[in-house]
Amino acid sequence: MIARCDISPDQELTIDYATHTGVESWSMVCHCDTLLCRRVVTGHDWRLSRLQAAYGTHWTPPLLERITGGPPHQPPAPPRAG
């Protein structure tokens, strides 16, 4: 897991499950009570353009592949010593 900003020791963390699941039949009621809460998280939320804009490339590789229409960019492998 990668944080998108600095985290203070007493800060509560939240995660948007939409960035991790693409199971179309899955949904859950959310009780996070943040200002941006959608109240229901579903397995097709990855399709929402506002979430794609907000999270950029911060999706699991399979969902990022669905969003971009191709495999995630892989950095080149480091040269082998030899």
Protein backbone atom coordinates (compact mmCIF):
# COMPACT_ATOMS: atom_id res chain seq x y z
CA MET A 1 0.00 0.00 0.00
CA ILE A 2 1.28 3.47 -0.86
CA ALA A 3 0.18 6.66 0.87
CA ARG A 4 -0.63 9.60 -1.38
CA CYS A 5 0.40 12.11 1.30
CA ASP A 6 2.25 12.31 4.61
CA ILE A 7 0.46 10.57 7.49
CA SER A 8 0.61 11.76 11.08
CA PRO A 9 0.74 9.13 13.86
CA ASP A 10 -2.75 10.00 15.13
CA GLN A 11 -4.41 10.29 11.71
CA GLU A 12 -7.23 7.92 10.75
CA LEU A 13 -6.70 6.21 7.41
CA THR A 14 -9.38 5.37 4.88
CA ILE A 15 -9.27 3.42 1.66
CA ASP A 16 -11.62 3.47 -1.30
CA TYR A 17 -12.37 -0.18 -2.05
CA ALA A 18 -13.29 0.86 -5.60
CA THR A 19 -9.55 1.07 -6.34
CA HIS A 20 -9.17 -2.62 -5.46
CA THR A 21 -12.20 -4.52 -6.77
CA GLY A 22 -13.75 -4.88 -10.17
CA VAL A 23 -16.15 -7.70 -9.33
CA GLU A 24 -19.32 -6.39 -10.97
CA SER A 25 -21.70 -8.13 -8.56
CA TRP A 26 -19.97 -6.78 -5.41
CA SER A 27 -21.22 -3.82 -3.39
CA MET A 28 -21.12 -2.59 0.18
CA VAL A 29 -22.59 0.21 2.21
CA CYS A 30 -19.89 2.62 3.36
CA HIS A 31 -19.98 4.26 6.77
CA CYS A 32 -16.81 6.36 6.54
CA ASP A 33 -18.82 9.60 6.78
CA THR A 34 -16.24 11.62 4.87
CA LEU A 35 -17.51 14.56 2.83
CA LEU A 36 -16.83 12.68 -0.41
CA CYS A 37 -18.43 9.39 0.67
CA ARG A 38 -20.54 7.76 -2.05
CA ARG A 39 -22.46 5.79 0.65
CA VAL A 40 -22.34 2.66 -1.53
CA VAL A 41 -19.16 1.25 -3.08
CA THR A 42 -19.58 -1.14 -6.00
CA GLY A 43 -17.45 -3.31 -8.22
CA HIS A 44 -18.10 -1.03 -11.18
CA ASP A 45 -17.10 2.26 -9.50
CA TRP A 46 -13.76 2.08 -11.35
CA ARG A 47 -15.73 3.21 -14.41
CA LEU A 48 -16.65 6.57 -12.82
CA SER A 49 -14.68 9.31 -14.58
CA ARG A 50 -14.51 11.43 -11.43
CA LEU A 51 -12.81 8.57 -9.57
CA GLN A 52 -10.44 7.91 -12.46
CA ALA A 53 -9.48 11.59 -12.42
CA ALA A 54 -9.10 11.68 -8.64
CA TYR A 55 -6.99 8.52 -8.33
CA GLY A 56 -4.94 8.78 -11.53
CA THR A 57 -2.81 5.64 -11.66
CA HIS A 58 -3.50 4.63 -8.04
CA TRP A 59 -5.49 1.50 -8.94
CA THR A 60 -4.63 -2.17 -8.75
CA PRO A 61 -2.91 -3.30 -11.97
CA PRO A 62 -5.96 -5.23 -13.30
CA LEU A 63 -8.25 -2.22 -12.84
CA LEU A 64 -5.69 0.17 -14.29
CA GLU A 65 -5.50 -2.09 -17.33
CA ARG A 66 -9.29 -1.91 -17.72
CA ILE A 67 -9.22 1.88 -17.37
CA THR A 68 -6.38 2.49 -19.80
CA GLY A 69 -7.28 -0.29 -22.22
CA GLY A 70 -3.83 -1.82 -21.94
CA PRO A 71 -1.36 -3.27 -19.50
CA PRO A 72 0.08 -0.94 -16.87
CA HIS A 73 3.37 0.70 -17.79
CA GLN A 74 6.25 -1.36 -16.48
CA PRO A 75 9.52 0.45 -15.83
CA PRO A 76 12.46 -1.09 -17.66
CA ALA A 77 14.35 -3.73 -15.73
CA PRO A 78 17.70 -2.60 -14.32
CA PRO A 79 20.73 -3.74 -16.30
CA ARG A 80 22.17 -7.05 -15.20
CA ALA A 81 25.64 -7.07 -13.76
CA GLY A 82 27.94 -9.05 -15.86
